[in-house]
Protein backbone atom coordinates (compact mmCIF):
# COMPACT_ATOMS: atom_id res chain seq x y z
CA MET A 1 -35.41 -69.73 183.27
CA ASN A 2 -38.88 -69.60 184.92
CA ALA A 3 -41.97 -68.10 183.24
CA PRO A 4 -42.39 -65.11 185.69
CA PHE A 5 -38.86 -64.00 185.07
CA GLN A 6 -39.24 -64.30 181.31
CA ALA A 7 -42.50 -62.25 181.46
CA ALA A 8 -40.83 -59.56 183.54
CA ARG A 9 -37.86 -59.47 181.14
CA PHE A 10 -40.27 -59.01 178.24
CA LEU A 11 -42.12 -56.13 179.90
CA ILE A 12 -38.84 -54.35 180.79
CA LEU A 13 -37.65 -54.80 177.21
CA LEU A 14 -40.92 -53.44 175.87
CA VAL A 15 -40.75 -50.27 177.94
CA PHE A 16 -37.12 -49.81 177.11
CA VAL A 17 -37.55 -50.22 173.36
CA GLY A 18 -40.60 -47.96 173.42
CA PHE A 19 -38.55 -45.25 175.16
CA VAL A 20 -35.54 -45.69 172.81
CA SER A 21 -37.74 -45.59 169.73
CA ALA A 22 -39.48 -42.43 170.80
CA CYS A 23 -36.04 -40.73 171.33
CA ALA A 24 -34.31 -42.11 168.24
CA VAL A 25 -36.94 -41.61 165.57
CA PRO A 26 -37.01 -38.02 164.17
CA LYS A 27 -40.32 -36.29 164.57
CA ASN A 28 -42.45 -35.48 161.51
CA SER A 29 -40.26 -37.70 159.35
CA GLY A 30 -41.96 -39.45 156.44
CA SER A 31 -45.27 -37.94 157.45
CA SER A 32 -46.18 -36.23 154.16
CA GLY A 33 -45.32 -38.90 151.66
CA GLU A 34 -41.71 -37.78 151.14
CA VAL A 35 -38.65 -40.08 151.19
CA VAL A 36 -36.42 -39.46 154.17
CA ASP A 37 -33.06 -41.15 153.52
CA PRO A 38 -30.13 -39.45 155.34
CA TYR A 39 -28.25 -42.78 155.49
CA GLU A 40 -28.40 -43.46 151.74
CA LYS A 41 -24.65 -44.10 151.36
CA THR A 42 -24.73 -46.82 154.11
CA ASN A 43 -28.04 -48.09 152.90
CA ARG A 44 -26.74 -48.58 149.40
CA SER A 45 -23.75 -50.53 150.74
CA ILE A 46 -26.08 -52.81 152.65
CA HIS A 47 -28.29 -53.12 149.55
CA GLN A 48 -25.30 -54.44 147.60
CA LEU A 49 -24.61 -56.86 150.35
CA ASN A 50 -28.21 -58.07 150.28
CA LEU A 51 -28.07 -58.42 146.44
CA GLY A 52 -24.96 -60.61 146.87
CA LEU A 53 -26.69 -62.77 149.47
CA ASP A 54 -29.79 -63.11 147.27
CA ARG A 55 -27.83 -63.95 144.20
CA ALA A 56 -25.52 -66.52 145.90
CA LEU A 57 -27.93 -68.07 148.39
CA PHE A 58 -31.50 -67.12 148.69
CA ARG A 59 -32.46 -66.89 145.00
CA PRO A 60 -31.11 -70.32 143.94
CA ALA A 61 -32.44 -71.94 147.22
CA SER A 62 -35.92 -70.51 146.67
CA LYS A 63 -36.04 -71.60 143.03
CA GLY A 64 -34.98 -75.15 144.09
CA TYR A 65 -37.51 -75.19 146.87
CA VAL A 66 -40.55 -74.38 144.68
CA ALA A 67 -39.27 -76.66 141.93
CA ILE A 68 -39.01 -79.67 144.20
CA VAL A 69 -41.73 -79.16 146.75
CA PRO A 70 -45.30 -79.53 145.40
CA PRO A 71 -47.38 -76.25 145.57
CA PRO A 72 -49.90 -77.68 148.18
CA ILE A 73 -47.01 -78.42 150.54
CA VAL A 74 -45.56 -74.91 150.02
CA ASP A 75 -48.99 -73.57 150.91
CA SER A 76 -49.14 -75.70 154.02
CA PHE A 77 -45.71 -74.51 155.23
CA SER A 78 -46.87 -70.90 154.62
CA TYR A 79 -50.05 -71.54 156.65
CA PHE A 80 -47.93 -73.00 159.40
CA ALA A 81 -45.74 -69.89 159.53
CA ASP A 82 -48.73 -67.59 159.62
CA ASN A 83 -50.28 -69.64 162.40
CA ALA A 84 -47.05 -69.57 164.42
CA SER A 85 -47.25 -65.73 164.26
CA GLU A 86 -50.82 -65.50 165.55
CA PRO A 87 -49.82 -65.35 169.24
CA SER A 88 -47.62 -62.34 168.36
CA ASN A 89 -50.57 -60.81 166.50
CA MET A 90 -52.70 -61.30 169.58
CA VAL A 91 -50.08 -59.56 171.85
CA ASN A 92 -49.78 -56.64 169.45
CA GLY A 93 -53.61 -56.39 169.17
CA ILE A 94 -53.72 -56.01 172.99
CA LEU A 95 -50.93 -53.38 172.99
CA GLN A 96 -52.83 -51.53 170.23
CA GLY A 97 -56.00 -51.46 172.33
CA ASN A 98 -57.75 -53.51 169.67
CA PRO A 99 -59.56 -56.39 171.38
CA LYS A 100 -61.22 -57.50 168.12
CA ARG A 101 -57.82 -58.00 166.44
CA ALA A 102 -56.49 -59.79 169.55
CA GLY A 103 -59.53 -62.02 169.73
CA THR A 104 -59.36 -62.93 166.05
CA ALA A 105 -55.74 -63.88 166.36
CA LEU A 106 -56.45 -66.11 169.37
CA ALA A 107 -59.43 -67.77 167.71
CA ARG A 108 -57.47 -68.36 164.49
CA PHE A 109 -54.60 -69.88 166.45
CA LEU A 110 -56.90 -72.29 168.34
CA LEU A 111 -58.82 -73.33 165.29
CA ASN A 112 -55.86 -73.79 162.98
CA SER A 113 -53.73 -75.46 165.64
CA THR A 114 -56.46 -78.09 166.22
CA ILE A 115 -58.68 -78.87 163.28
CA GLY A 116 -56.14 -77.23 160.96
CA PHE A 117 -53.63 -80.05 161.59
CA ALA A 118 -51.18 -78.02 163.80
CA GLY A 119 -51.50 -75.02 161.51
CA LEU A 120 -50.76 -76.74 158.22
CA ALA A 121 -54.19 -75.73 156.96
CA ASP A 122 -56.27 -72.59 157.40
CA PRO A 123 -59.90 -73.59 158.31
CA ALA A 124 -60.27 -70.35 160.31
CA THR A 125 -60.56 -68.34 157.08
CA GLU A 126 -63.34 -70.66 155.90
CA PHE A 127 -65.16 -70.05 159.24
CA GLY A 128 -65.17 -66.30 158.53
CA LEU A 129 -62.01 -65.41 160.46
CA PRO A 130 -59.56 -64.12 157.80
CA ALA A 131 -55.96 -63.35 158.76
CA ASP A 132 -55.36 -59.87 160.29
CA GLU A 133 -51.56 -59.64 160.45
CA THR A 134 -49.86 -56.94 162.45
CA ASP A 135 -46.53 -56.26 164.08
CA PHE A 136 -44.85 -54.08 166.68
CA GLY A 137 -43.96 -51.54 163.96
CA GLU A 138 -47.72 -50.96 163.54
CA THR A 139 -48.09 -50.87 167.30
CA LEU A 140 -45.55 -48.07 167.50
CA HIS A 141 -47.33 -46.28 164.65
CA ILE A 142 -50.65 -46.45 166.56
CA TRP A 143 -48.84 -45.15 169.65
CA GLY A 144 -47.80 -42.13 167.62
CA ALA A 145 -44.17 -42.92 166.72
CA PRO A 146 -43.21 -41.50 163.28
CA GLU A 147 -41.66 -43.86 160.69
CA GLY A 148 -38.33 -42.18 160.85
CA ALA A 149 -35.61 -42.47 158.18
CA TYR A 150 -35.50 -45.18 155.60
CA VAL A 151 -33.07 -47.98 156.39
CA GLU A 152 -32.03 -51.17 154.63
CA LEU A 153 -31.30 -54.03 156.99
CA PRO A 154 -28.81 -56.80 156.33
CA ALA A 155 -30.63 -59.92 155.12
CA PHE A 156 -34.08 -58.45 155.98
CA GLY A 157 -34.03 -55.73 153.30
CA PRO A 158 -36.02 -52.42 153.19
CA SER A 159 -37.37 -51.00 156.38
CA ASN A 160 -37.54 -47.77 158.34
CA GLN A 161 -36.39 -46.79 161.83
CA ARG A 162 -39.74 -47.56 163.49
CA ASP A 163 -40.21 -50.89 161.75
CA ALA A 164 -36.62 -51.86 162.51
CA VAL A 165 -37.31 -51.38 166.21
CA GLY A 166 -40.58 -53.33 165.79
CA LEU A 167 -38.71 -56.18 164.14
CA VAL A 168 -36.43 -56.60 167.11
CA VAL A 169 -39.37 -56.48 169.57
CA ASP A 170 -41.43 -58.97 167.55
CA PHE A 171 -38.80 -61.58 168.34
CA PHE A 172 -39.90 -61.22 171.98
CA THR A 173 -43.64 -60.64 171.67
CA ASN A 174 -44.51 -64.16 170.56
CA PRO A 175 -45.43 -66.26 173.58
CA ILE A 176 -44.26 -69.40 171.68
CA GLY A 177 -40.70 -68.07 172.04
CA TYR A 178 -40.92 -68.58 175.84
CA SER A 179 -41.43 -72.30 175.56
CA ARG A 180 -39.08 -74.51 177.57
CA SER A 181 -38.50 -76.58 174.48
CA ASN A 182 -35.89 -75.07 172.12
CA ARG A 183 -37.54 -76.74 169.15
CA VAL A 184 -40.85 -75.06 169.92
CA ALA A 185 -39.20 -71.69 170.78
CA ASN A 186 -37.45 -71.60 167.38
CA VAL A 187 -40.44 -72.70 165.31
CA THR A 188 -41.57 -69.15 164.39
CA LEU A 189 -38.18 -68.10 163.06
CA VAL A 190 -37.62 -71.33 161.14
CA SER A 191 -41.14 -71.34 159.65
CA LYS A 192 -40.77 -67.70 158.54
CA VAL A 193 -37.51 -68.52 156.71
CA VAL A 194 -39.21 -71.34 154.91
CA GLN A 195 -42.22 -69.16 154.11
CA GLN A 196 -39.95 -66.45 152.62
CA LEU A 197 -38.22 -69.11 150.52
CA GLY A 198 -41.59 -69.99 149.04
CA ASN A 199 -42.50 -66.37 148.40
CA ARG A 200 -39.18 -65.65 146.79
CA GLY A 201 -39.51 -68.68 144.51
CA ARG A 202 -43.14 -68.04 143.61
CA TYR A 203 -42.61 -64.41 142.70
CA SER A 204 -39.12 -64.77 141.34
CA ASP A 205 -39.77 -63.04 138.05
CA THR A 206 -41.23 -59.91 139.65
CA ILE A 207 -38.53 -59.73 142.34
CA ASP A 208 -35.78 -60.33 139.77
CA SER A 209 -37.11 -57.52 137.63
CA ILE A 210 -36.89 -55.09 140.56
CA LEU A 211 -33.48 -56.27 141.85
CA TYR A 212 -31.63 -57.03 138.69
CA GLU A 213 -33.38 -55.30 135.79
CA SER A 214 -34.07 -51.86 137.30
CA ALA A 215 -31.82 -48.89 136.42
CA ASP A 216 -31.52 -48.31 140.16
CA SER A 217 -32.68 -51.27 142.20
CA TYR A 218 -32.03 -49.50 145.51
CA ALA A 219 -34.33 -46.58 144.64
CA GLN A 220 -36.91 -48.92 143.18
CA SER A 221 -36.96 -51.15 146.29
CA ARG A 222 -37.10 -48.10 148.54
CA ILE A 223 -40.14 -46.53 146.93
CA ILE A 224 -42.03 -49.82 146.63
CA TYR A 225 -41.47 -50.54 150.30
CA LEU A 226 -42.43 -47.05 151.49
CA GLN A 227 -45.59 -46.87 149.33
CA ASN A 228 -46.74 -50.38 150.41
CA ARG A 229 -46.05 -49.82 154.05
CA ARG A 230 -47.73 -46.44 154.21
CA PHE A 231 -50.78 -47.84 152.40
CA GLU A 232 -50.85 -50.83 154.76
CA LEU A 233 -50.94 -48.49 157.83
CA ALA A 234 -53.39 -46.05 156.21
CA GLY A 235 -56.27 -47.65 158.04
CA ALA A 236 -54.51 -46.98 161.35
CA GLY A 237 -54.02 -43.31 160.58
CA GLY A 238 -51.17 -43.53 158.06
CA GLU A 239 -50.64 -41.21 155.14
CA THR A 240 -49.63 -42.70 151.83
CA TYR A 241 -49.03 -39.55 149.79
CA SER A 242 -49.24 -35.76 149.90
CA ASP A 243 -52.41 -34.37 148.27
CA PRO A 244 -51.76 -30.92 146.79
CA TYR A 245 -55.56 -30.26 146.84
CA ALA A 246 -56.07 -31.32 150.40
CA ASP A 247 -56.79 -27.77 151.64
CA GLY A 248 -59.29 -27.09 148.82
CA THR A 249 -57.02 -24.70 146.92
CA ASP A 250 -55.43 -24.98 143.53
CA PRO A 251 -51.60 -25.03 143.93
CA TYR A 252 -51.19 -23.79 140.34
CA ALA A 253 -53.60 -20.78 140.57
CA GLU A 254 -52.34 -17.20 140.52
CA PRO A 255 -51.93 -15.69 144.03
CA GLY A 256 -55.18 -14.13 145.22
CA ALA A 257 -57.24 -15.64 142.34
CA ALA A 258 -60.64 -17.11 143.11
CA PRO A 259 -60.70 -20.94 143.01
CA ASP A 260 -62.00 -22.49 139.81
CA LEU A 261 -64.66 -24.97 140.99
CA TYR A 262 -64.89 -26.62 137.55
CA SER A 263 -61.20 -27.11 136.86
CA ASP A 264 -59.84 -30.60 136.28
CA PRO A 265 -57.38 -31.40 139.13
CA TYR A 266 -55.58 -33.95 136.83
CA GLU A 267 -55.15 -31.58 133.89
CA ASP A 268 -51.58 -30.54 133.20
CA PRO A 269 -51.49 -26.78 133.94
CA TYR A 270 -48.54 -26.29 131.67
CA GLU A 271 -50.06 -27.68 128.50
């Protein structure tokens, strides 16, 4: 398949997915800090499937990986995965109208791919170019698409409708994926799997406490994901929580009463 045809296919896919996401994602969903989960029954079933996969495969594999592979090598594989994602970061930076982000991604990729031993090291950060990761879910957010309902994806875990669409598109936004060599085209996916093995193994105690020691691991995973994702997007216009004092009024005051300028907003009104 020639390069022009691949590029045209990507652009058509991008327009199609953008149109579908705009139609499929409910408006004003998840915009005030609430949890929108109309598919909870299905999500909980998928959550149980993911727990089974983690317990049987991913958890033991990750523990074995970090036990056998020296930490510096685990770091190097993680750097390699991050570097393989830089072309996708660059594309998303362009789509977001953020030339600085796109330029940083390109510069990091060039530096780390050369003097960084093909991405196994991260000299770009030492040169004052720290990582600025992004994805097509954030691109959709900047374009004005709401997050939609919460969903749990098989194998991938917590997400929302907007990020689920973004996850699919991100498989196509990385120029590395259009290489004529299958080995090079698959490098991003393989490196990300290895990186997630390292993360799962390193933070095993914390993750296990959420998945296997919580009274309701589904609800715990859901709120942690939503809070983290909204906080992550806050700089791009996201909203992490609903502030009852945002309009300058006291929600606990008697109707028609003058506002108390000296009241403590964190004091329990019912004490």
